[in-house]
């Protein structure tokens, strides 16, 4: 018998109230759901690849590359000028006159060889004259572009020096003078090897000037045959 019946009190059925959930348990469950949702989002997100690490470039600095390009360009221009000088001098007529000094025959022979190898015509039998006017007139008659004459001098210690002078066949004036110094026995070959490098532009300019019409400096010669009978 229940206690209310024994005491004569009316019996009322009361449903047991549900025990409220503990706040701590509820928060923990929400935390687990949040972690689960975060894991789903991370798994579904697209994979982003990391940017590749920049490696040190081994390319040469611009200044060095530019310098090499300029050097190559200068070398190409120098070679082009040398080719143009050789082409301009080819076919030109050069008079190689007698040299003065010691052992001149060998040096003069190598000068002639250096000029003929460049395609120039060499006249080696003309005599030396005294004045600019005589060089000019002989150049006009012989159609010369330039004259070459020189002097060889022996030095101590078996050395020698060769002085080479270039004279215009058009004006008769001196264009330039260069010297070559070395051992006496090797000097002729040294002159032959370096002659064009040092005088090629001068020969080319002289040949170009000689290809132009030459002015007449002297009146034509008139021979008086006497009084006609």
C-alpha atoms as a PDB file:
ATOM      1  CA  UNK A   1       0.000   0.000   0.000  1.00  0.00           C
ATOM      2  CA  UNK A   2       1.270   3.390  -0.877  1.00  0.00           C
ATOM      3  CA  UNK A   3       1.815   6.053   1.648  1.00  0.00           C
ATOM      4  CA  UNK A   4      -0.963   8.394   0.379  1.00  0.00           C
ATOM      5  CA  UNK A   5      -3.551   5.605   0.621  1.00  0.00           C
ATOM      6  CA  UNK A   6      -2.607   4.834   4.166  1.00  0.00           C
ATOM      7  CA  UNK A   7      -3.000   8.408   5.205  1.00  0.00           C
ATOM      8  CA  UNK A   8      -6.332   8.766   3.396  1.00  0.00           C
ATOM      9  CA  UNK A   9      -4.989  11.218   0.847  1.00  0.00           C
ATOM     10  CA  UNK A  10      -6.089  11.176  -2.745  1.00  0.00           C
ATOM     11  CA  UNK A  11      -3.621   9.460  -5.021  1.00  0.00           C
ATOM     12  CA  UNK A  12      -2.289  11.524  -7.911  1.00  0.00           C
ATOM     13  CA  UNK A  13      -0.099   9.985 -10.492  1.00  0.00           C
ATOM     14  CA  UNK A  14       2.864  12.245 -11.214  1.00  0.00           C
ATOM     15  CA  UNK A  15       5.111  11.411 -14.146  1.00  0.00           C
ATOM     16  CA  UNK A  16       8.720  11.514 -13.272  1.00  0.00           C
ATOM     17  CA  UNK A  17      10.426  14.623 -14.573  1.00  0.00           C
ATOM     18  CA  UNK A  18      13.309  14.120 -16.907  1.00  0.00           C
ATOM     19  CA  UNK A  19      16.643  14.903 -15.458  1.00  0.00           C
ATOM     20  CA  UNK A  20      18.115  17.922 -17.267  1.00  0.00           C
ATOM     21  CA  UNK A  21      21.282  17.247 -19.211  1.00  0.00           C
ATOM     22  CA  UNK A  22      24.419  18.487 -17.686  1.00  0.00           C
ATOM     23  CA  UNK A  23      25.715  21.607 -19.361  1.00  0.00           C
ATOM     24  CA  UNK A  24      29.244  20.173 -19.432  1.00  0.00           C
ATOM     25  CA  UNK A  25      28.133  17.065 -21.336  1.00  0.00           C
ATOM     26  CA  UNK A  26      26.207  19.194 -23.860  1.00  0.00           C
ATOM     27  CA  UNK A  27      29.200  21.452 -24.529  1.00  0.00           C
ATOM     28  CA  UNK A  28      31.461  18.473 -25.003  1.00  0.00           C
ATOM     29  CA  UNK A  29      29.132  16.964 -27.582  1.00  0.00           C
ATOM     30  CA  UNK A  30      28.906  20.263 -29.484  1.00  0.00           C
ATOM     31  CA  UNK A  31      32.697  20.417 -29.480  1.00  0.00           C
ATOM     32  CA  UNK A  32      32.912  16.944 -31.038  1.00  0.00           C
ATOM     33  CA  UNK A  33      30.357  17.922 -33.725  1.00  0.00           C
ATOM     34  CA  UNK A  34      32.363  21.051 -34.512  1.00  0.00           C
ATOM     35  CA  UNK A  35      35.555  18.994 -34.910  1.00  0.00           C
ATOM     36  CA  UNK A  36      33.739  16.554 -37.182  1.00  0.00           C
ATOM     37  CA  UNK A  37      32.401  19.376 -39.362  1.00  0.00           C
ATOM     38  CA  UNK A  38      35.854  20.958 -39.551  1.00  0.00           C
ATOM     39  CA  UNK A  39      37.368  17.654 -40.632  1.00  0.00           C
ATOM     40  CA  UNK A  40      34.752  17.319 -43.387  1.00  0.00           C
ATOM     41  CA  UNK A  41      35.432  20.860 -44.621  1.00  0.00           C
ATOM     42  CA  UNK A  42      39.197  20.335 -44.648  1.00  0.00           C
ATOM     43  CA  UNK A  43      38.854  17.039 -46.514  1.00  0.00           C
ATOM     44  CA  UNK A  44      36.610  18.604 -49.152  1.00  0.00           C
ATOM     45  CA  UNK A  45      38.783  21.705 -49.677  1.00  0.00           C
ATOM     46  CA  UNK A  46      40.947  21.718 -52.869  1.00  0.00           C
ATOM     47  CA  UNK A  47      44.613  21.027 -52.384  1.00  0.00           C
ATOM     48  CA  UNK A  48      46.777  24.088 -52.938  1.00  0.00           C
ATOM     49  CA  UNK A  49      50.335  23.358 -53.978  1.00  0.00           C
ATOM     50  CA  UNK A  50      53.069  25.414 -52.464  1.00  0.00           C
ATOM     51  CA  UNK A  51      54.844  27.792 -54.798  1.00  0.00           C
ATOM     52  CA  UNK A  52      58.163  26.403 -55.969  1.00  0.00           C
ATOM     53  CA  UNK A  53      61.136  27.764 -54.150  1.00  0.00           C
ATOM     54  CA  UNK A  54      63.104  30.213 -56.204  1.00  0.00           C
ATOM     55  CA  UNK A  55      66.532  28.954 -56.915  1.00  0.00           C
ATOM     56  CA  UNK A  56      69.518  31.196 -57.366  1.00  0.00           C
ATOM     57  CA  UNK A  57      70.011  32.127 -60.950  1.00  0.00           C
ATOM     58  CA  UNK A  58      73.373  31.294 -62.432  1.00  0.00           C
ATOM     59  CA  UNK A  59      72.864  33.762 -65.248  1.00  0.00           C
ATOM     60  CA  UNK A  60      75.693  36.217 -65.696  1.00  0.00           C
ATOM     61  CA  UNK A  61      75.102  39.805 -64.601  1.00  0.00           C
ATOM     62  CA  UNK A  62      73.724  42.085 -67.258  1.00  0.00           C
ATOM     63  CA  UNK A  63      76.788  44.301 -67.107  1.00  0.00           C
ATOM     64  CA  UNK A  64      79.131  41.389 -67.915  1.00  0.00           C
ATOM     65  CA  UNK A  65      76.885  40.078 -70.692  1.00  0.00           C
ATOM     66  CA  UNK A  66      76.558  43.580 -72.118  1.00  0.00           C
ATOM     67  CA  UNK A  67      80.316  44.055 -71.959  1.00  0.00           C
ATOM     68  CA  UNK A  68      80.893  40.828 -73.862  1.00  0.00           C
ATOM     69  CA  UNK A  69      78.351  41.858 -76.489  1.00  0.00           C
ATOM     70  CA  UNK A  70      80.088  45.199 -76.891  1.00  0.00           C
ATOM     71  CA  UNK A  71      83.490  43.494 -77.158  1.00  0.00           C
ATOM     72  CA  UNK A  72      82.151  41.090 -79.765  1.00  0.00           C
ATOM     73  CA  UNK A  73      80.597  43.971 -81.656  1.00  0.00           C
ATOM     74  CA  UNK A  74      83.834  45.953 -81.565  1.00  0.00           C
ATOM     75  CA  UNK A  75      85.784  42.951 -82.783  1.00  0.00           C
ATOM     76  CA  UNK A  76      83.281  42.431 -85.609  1.00  0.00           C
ATOM     77  CA  UNK A  77      83.514  46.097 -86.592  1.00  0.00           C
ATOM     78  CA  UNK A  78      87.317  45.926 -86.508  1.00  0.00           C
ATOM     79  CA  UNK A  79      87.302  42.851 -88.713  1.00  0.00           C
ATOM     80  CA  UNK A  80      84.839  44.503 -91.088  1.00  0.00           C
ATOM     81  CA  UNK A  81      87.076  47.572 -91.399  1.00  0.00           C
ATOM     82  CA  UNK A  82      90.095  45.366 -92.084  1.00  0.00           C
ATOM     83  CA  UNK A  83      88.180  43.515 -94.796  1.00  0.00           C
ATOM     84  CA  UNK A  84      87.031  46.798 -96.343  1.00  0.00           C
ATOM     85  CA  UNK A  85      90.594  48.143 -96.314  1.00  0.00           C
ATOM     86  CA  UNK A  86      91.897  45.005 -97.985  1.00  0.00           C
ATOM     87  CA  UNK A  87      89.180  45.154-100.632  1.00  0.00           C
ATOM     88  CA  UNK A  88      89.879  48.837-101.308  1.00  0.00           C
ATOM     89  CA  UNK A  89      93.624  48.234-101.676  1.00  0.00           C
ATOM     90  CA  UNK A  90      93.288  45.183-103.915  1.00  0.00           C
ATOM     91  CA  UNK A  91      94.476  46.001-107.423  1.00  0.00           C
ATOM     92  CA  UNK A  92      96.198  49.220-106.379  1.00  0.00           C
ATOM     93  CA  UNK A  93      99.625  49.947-107.813  1.00  0.00           C
ATOM     94  CA  UNK A  94     102.387  50.572-105.276  1.00  0.00           C
ATOM     95  CA  UNK A  95     105.968  51.610-106.040  1.00  0.00           C
ATOM     96  CA  UNK A  96     108.481  50.152-103.578  1.00  0.00           C
ATOM     97  CA  UNK A  97     111.598  52.264-103.904  1.00  0.00           C
ATOM     98  CA  UNK A  98     115.125  51.412-102.776  1.00  0.00           C
ATOM     99  CA  UNK A  99     115.771  51.311 -99.019  1.00  0.00           C
ATOM    100  CA  UNK A 100     118.728  52.947 -97.264  1.00  0.00           C
ATOM    101  CA  UNK A 101     120.916  51.501 -94.542  1.00  0.00           C
ATOM    102  CA  UNK A 102     122.205  48.042 -93.657  1.00  0.00           C
ATOM    103  CA  UNK A 103     120.671  44.758 -94.814  1.00  0.00           C
ATOM    104  CA  UNK A 104     117.976  46.606 -96.729  1.00  0.00           C
ATOM    105  CA  UNK A 105     117.473  43.978 -99.402  1.00  0.00           C
ATOM    106  CA  UNK A 106     115.891  41.458 -97.058  1.00  0.00           C
ATOM    107  CA  UNK A 107     113.513  43.938 -95.395  1.00  0.00           C
ATOM    108  CA  UNK A 108     112.488  45.432 -98.748  1.00  0.00           C
ATOM    109  CA  UNK A 109     111.821  41.959-100.158  1.00  0.00           C
ATOM    110  CA  UNK A 110     109.477  41.100 -97.280  1.00  0.00           C
ATOM    111  CA  UNK A 111     107.618  44.410 -97.753  1.00  0.00           C
ATOM    112  CA  UNK A 112     107.054  43.533-101.416  1.00  0.00           C
ATOM    113  CA  UNK A 113     105.821  40.073-100.425  1.00  0.00           C
ATOM    114  CA  UNK A 114     103.374  41.473 -97.873  1.00  0.00           C
ATOM    115  CA  UNK A 115     101.877  43.845-100.446  1.00  0.00           C
ATOM    116  CA  UNK A 116     101.549  41.316-103.256  1.00  0.00           C
ATOM    117  CA  UNK A 117      99.820  38.870-100.921  1.00  0.00           C
ATOM    118  CA  UNK A 118      97.113  41.521-100.397  1.00  0.00           C
ATOM    119  CA  UNK A 119      96.454  41.674-104.135  1.00  0.00           C
ATOM    120  CA  UNK A 120      98.340  44.890-104.887  1.00  0.00           C
ATOM    121  CA  UNK A 121     100.502  45.424-107.944  1.00  0.00           C
ATOM    122  CA  UNK A 122     104.072  46.288-106.966  1.00  0.00           C
ATOM    123  CA  UNK A 123     106.439  48.336-109.134  1.00  0.00           C
ATOM    124  CA  UNK A 124     109.983  47.735-107.836  1.00  0.00           C
ATOM    125  CA  UNK A 125     112.156  49.340-110.558  1.00  0.00           C
ATOM    126  CA  UNK A 126     111.379  53.054-110.238  1.00  0.00           C
ATOM    127  CA  UNK A 127     114.122  55.381-108.963  1.00  0.00           C
ATOM    128  CA  UNK A 128     113.784  57.737-106.033  1.00  0.00           C
ATOM    129  CA  UNK A 129     113.253  61.393-106.936  1.00  0.00           C
ATOM    130  CA  UNK A 130     113.927  64.606-105.046  1.00  0.00           C
ATOM    131  CA  UNK A 131     110.803  66.732-104.796  1.00  0.00           C
ATOM    132  CA  UNK A 132     107.114  66.356-104.001  1.00  0.00           C
ATOM    133  CA  UNK A 133     106.232  67.576-107.477  1.00  0.00           C
ATOM    134  CA  UNK A 134     108.382  64.873-109.058  1.00  0.00           C
ATOM    135  CA  UNK A 135     106.675  62.169-106.962  1.00  0.00           C
ATOM    136  CA  UNK A 136     103.300  63.591-107.939  1.00  0.00           C
ATOM    137  CA  UNK A 137     104.078  63.722-111.663  1.00  0.00           C
ATOM    138  CA  UNK A 138     105.627  60.260-111.715  1.00  0.00           C
ATOM    139  CA  UNK A 139     102.586  58.929-109.859  1.00  0.00           C
ATOM    140  CA  UNK A 140     100.272  60.427-112.464  1.00  0.00           C
ATOM    141  CA  UNK A 141     102.250  58.984-115.377  1.00  0.00           C
ATOM    142  CA  UNK A 142     102.630  55.518-113.803  1.00  0.00           C
ATOM    143  CA  UNK A 143      99.123  55.500-112.256  1.00  0.00           C
ATOM    144  CA  UNK A 144     100.558  54.902-108.765  1.00  0.00           C
ATOM    145  CA  UNK A 145      98.513  54.893-105.595  1.00  0.00           C
ATOM    146  CA  UNK A 146     101.460  55.157-103.194  1.00  0.00           C
ATOM    147  CA  UNK A 147     105.210  54.980-102.764  1.00  0.00           C
ATOM    148  CA  UNK A 148     107.039  52.959-100.116  1.00  0.00           C
ATOM    149  CA  UNK A 149     110.592  53.683 -99.063  1.00  0.00           C
ATOM    150  CA  UNK A 150     112.506  53.075 -95.882  1.00  0.00           C
ATOM    151  CA  UNK A 151     115.678  52.947 -93.865  1.00  0.00           C
ATOM    152  CA  UNK A 152     117.207  50.095 -91.835  1.00  0.00           C
ATOM    153  CA  UNK A 153     119.610  50.821 -88.997  1.00  0.00           C
ATOM    154  CA  UNK A 154     121.523  48.311 -86.908  1.00  0.00           C
ATOM    155  CA  UNK A 155     121.423  48.676 -83.115  1.00  0.00           C
ATOM    156  CA  UNK A 156     123.571  47.241 -80.320  1.00  0.00           C
ATOM    157  CA  UNK A 157     122.950  43.716 -78.993  1.00  0.00           C
ATOM    158  CA  UNK A 158     122.157  42.366 -82.459  1.00  0.00           C
ATOM    159  CA  UNK A 159     119.031  44.504 -82.823  1.00  0.00           C
ATOM    160  CA  UNK A 160     117.870  46.656 -85.720  1.00  0.00           C
ATOM    161  CA  UNK A 161     115.190  49.219 -86.502  1.00  0.00           C
ATOM    162  CA  UNK A 162     113.341  49.617 -89.805  1.00  0.00           C
ATOM    163  CA  UNK A 163     111.628  52.902 -90.662  1.00  0.00           C
ATOM    164  CA  UNK A 164     108.915  52.595 -93.347  1.00  0.00           C
ATOM    165  CA  UNK A 165     107.461  55.694 -95.035  1.00  0.00           C
ATOM    166  CA  UNK A 166     104.302  55.788 -97.158  1.00  0.00           C
ATOM    167  CA  UNK A 167     103.942  58.609 -99.697  1.00  0.00           C
ATOM    168  CA  UNK A 168     100.834  59.412-101.739  1.00  0.00           C
ATOM    169  CA  UNK A 169     101.051  58.725-105.447  1.00  0.00           C
ATOM    170  CA  UNK A 170      98.443  61.429-106.079  1.00  0.00           C
ATOM    171  CA  UNK A 171      99.869  64.384-104.130  1.00  0.00           C
ATOM    172  CA  UNK A 172     103.443  63.230-103.607  1.00  0.00           C
ATOM    173  CA  UNK A 173     103.157  64.086 -99.906  1.00  0.00           C
ATOM    174  CA  UNK A 174     104.135  61.772 -97.035  1.00  0.00           C
ATOM    175  CA  UNK A 175     101.143  60.013 -95.508  1.00  0.00           C
ATOM    176  CA  UNK A 176     102.678  58.254 -92.522  1.00  0.00           C
ATOM    177  CA  UNK A 177     105.887  56.773 -91.119  1.00  0.00           C
ATOM    178  CA  UNK A 178     106.152  53.737 -88.818  1.00  0.00           C
ATOM    179  CA  UNK A 179     109.068  51.923 -87.206  1.00  0.00           C
ATOM    180  CA  UNK A 180     109.697  48.239 -86.512  1.00  0.00           C
ATOM    181  CA  UNK A 181     112.263  47.198 -83.925  1.00  0.00           C
ATOM    182  CA  UNK A 182     113.556  43.706 -83.143  1.00  0.00           C
ATOM    183  CA  UNK A 183     116.385  41.257 -83.533  1.00  0.00           C
ATOM    184  CA  UNK A 184     118.288  41.910 -86.727  1.00  0.00           C
ATOM    185  CA  UNK A 185     117.776  38.409 -88.145  1.00  0.00           C
ATOM    186  CA  UNK A 186     114.062  38.281 -87.353  1.00  0.00           C
ATOM    187  CA  UNK A 187     113.235  41.866 -88.309  1.00  0.00           C
ATOM    188  CA  UNK A 188     112.357  41.179 -92.007  1.00  0.00           C
ATOM    189  CA  UNK A 189     109.761  38.542 -91.039  1.00  0.00           C
ATOM    190  CA  UNK A 190     108.437  40.821 -88.303  1.00  0.00           C
ATOM    191  CA  UNK A 191     107.951  43.629 -90.822  1.00  0.00           C
ATOM    192  CA  UNK A 192     106.119  41.308 -93.205  1.00  0.00           C
ATOM    193  CA  UNK A 193     103.840  39.999 -90.466  1.00  0.00           C
ATOM    194  CA  UNK A 194     102.867  43.385 -88.986  1.00  0.00           C
ATOM    195  CA  UNK A 195     103.005  45.631 -92.048  1.00  0.00           C
ATOM    196  CA  UNK A 196      99.341  45.351 -92.995  1.00  0.00           C
ATOM    197  CA  UNK A 197      98.061  45.682 -89.425  1.00  0.00           C
ATOM    198  CA  UNK A 198      99.875  48.984 -89.053  1.00  0.00           C
ATOM    199  CA  UNK A 199      99.644  50.383 -92.583  1.00  0.00           C
ATOM    200  CA  UNK A 200      96.677  48.640 -94.201  1.00  0.00           C
ATOM    201  CA  UNK A 201      94.300  51.569 -93.653  1.00  0.00           C
ATOM    202  CA  UNK A 202      96.854  53.992 -95.132  1.00  0.00           C
ATOM    203  CA  UNK A 203      97.314  51.874 -98.261  1.00  0.00           C
ATOM    204  CA  UNK A 204      93.537  51.536 -98.644  1.00  0.00           C
ATOM    205  CA  UNK A 205      93.027  55.305 -98.402  1.00  0.00           C
ATOM    206  CA  UNK A 206      95.789  55.924-100.941  1.00  0.00           C
ATOM    207  CA  UNK A 207      94.251  53.416-103.363  1.00  0.00           C
ATOM    208  CA  UNK A 208      90.816  55.020-103.043  1.00  0.00           C
ATOM    209  CA  UNK A 209      92.277  58.472-103.734  1.00  0.00           C
ATOM    210  CA  UNK A 210      94.170  57.143-106.765  1.00  0.00           C
ATOM    211  CA  UNK A 211      90.946  55.730-108.235  1.00  0.00           C
ATOM    212  CA  UNK A 212      89.483  59.236-108.512  1.00  0.00           C
ATOM    213  CA  UNK A 213      90.214  61.544-111.474  1.00  0.00           C
ATOM    214  CA  UNK A 214      93.532  63.287-110.923  1.00  0.00           C
ATOM    215  CA  UNK A 215      93.914  67.038-111.428  1.00  0.00           C
ATOM    216  CA  UNK A 216      96.389  68.281-114.035  1.00  0.00           C
ATOM    217  CA  UNK A 217      99.048  70.341-112.280  1.00  0.00           C
ATOM    218  CA  UNK A 218     101.319  70.996-115.256  1.00  0.00           C
ATOM    219  CA  UNK A 219     100.595  72.330-118.680  1.00  0.00           C
ATOM    220  CA  UNK A 220     101.072  69.868-121.516  1.00  0.00           C
ATOM    221  CA  UNK A 221     104.568  69.930-122.990  1.00  0.00           C
ATOM    222  CA  UNK A 222     104.879  71.631-126.380  1.00  0.00           C
ATOM    223  CA  UNK A 223     107.861  70.890-128.638  1.00  0.00           C
ATOM    224  CA  UNK A 224     108.923  73.686-130.981  1.00  0.00           C
ATOM    225  CA  UNK A 225     109.946  72.147-134.315  1.00  0.00           C
ATOM    226  CA  UNK A 226     111.301  75.385-135.703  1.00  0.00           C
ATOM    227  CA  UNK A 227     110.041  77.805-138.360  1.00  0.00           C
ATOM    228  CA  UNK A 228     108.430  76.117-141.331  1.00  0.00           C
ATOM    229  CA  UNK A 229     110.096  76.697-144.687  1.00  0.00           C
END
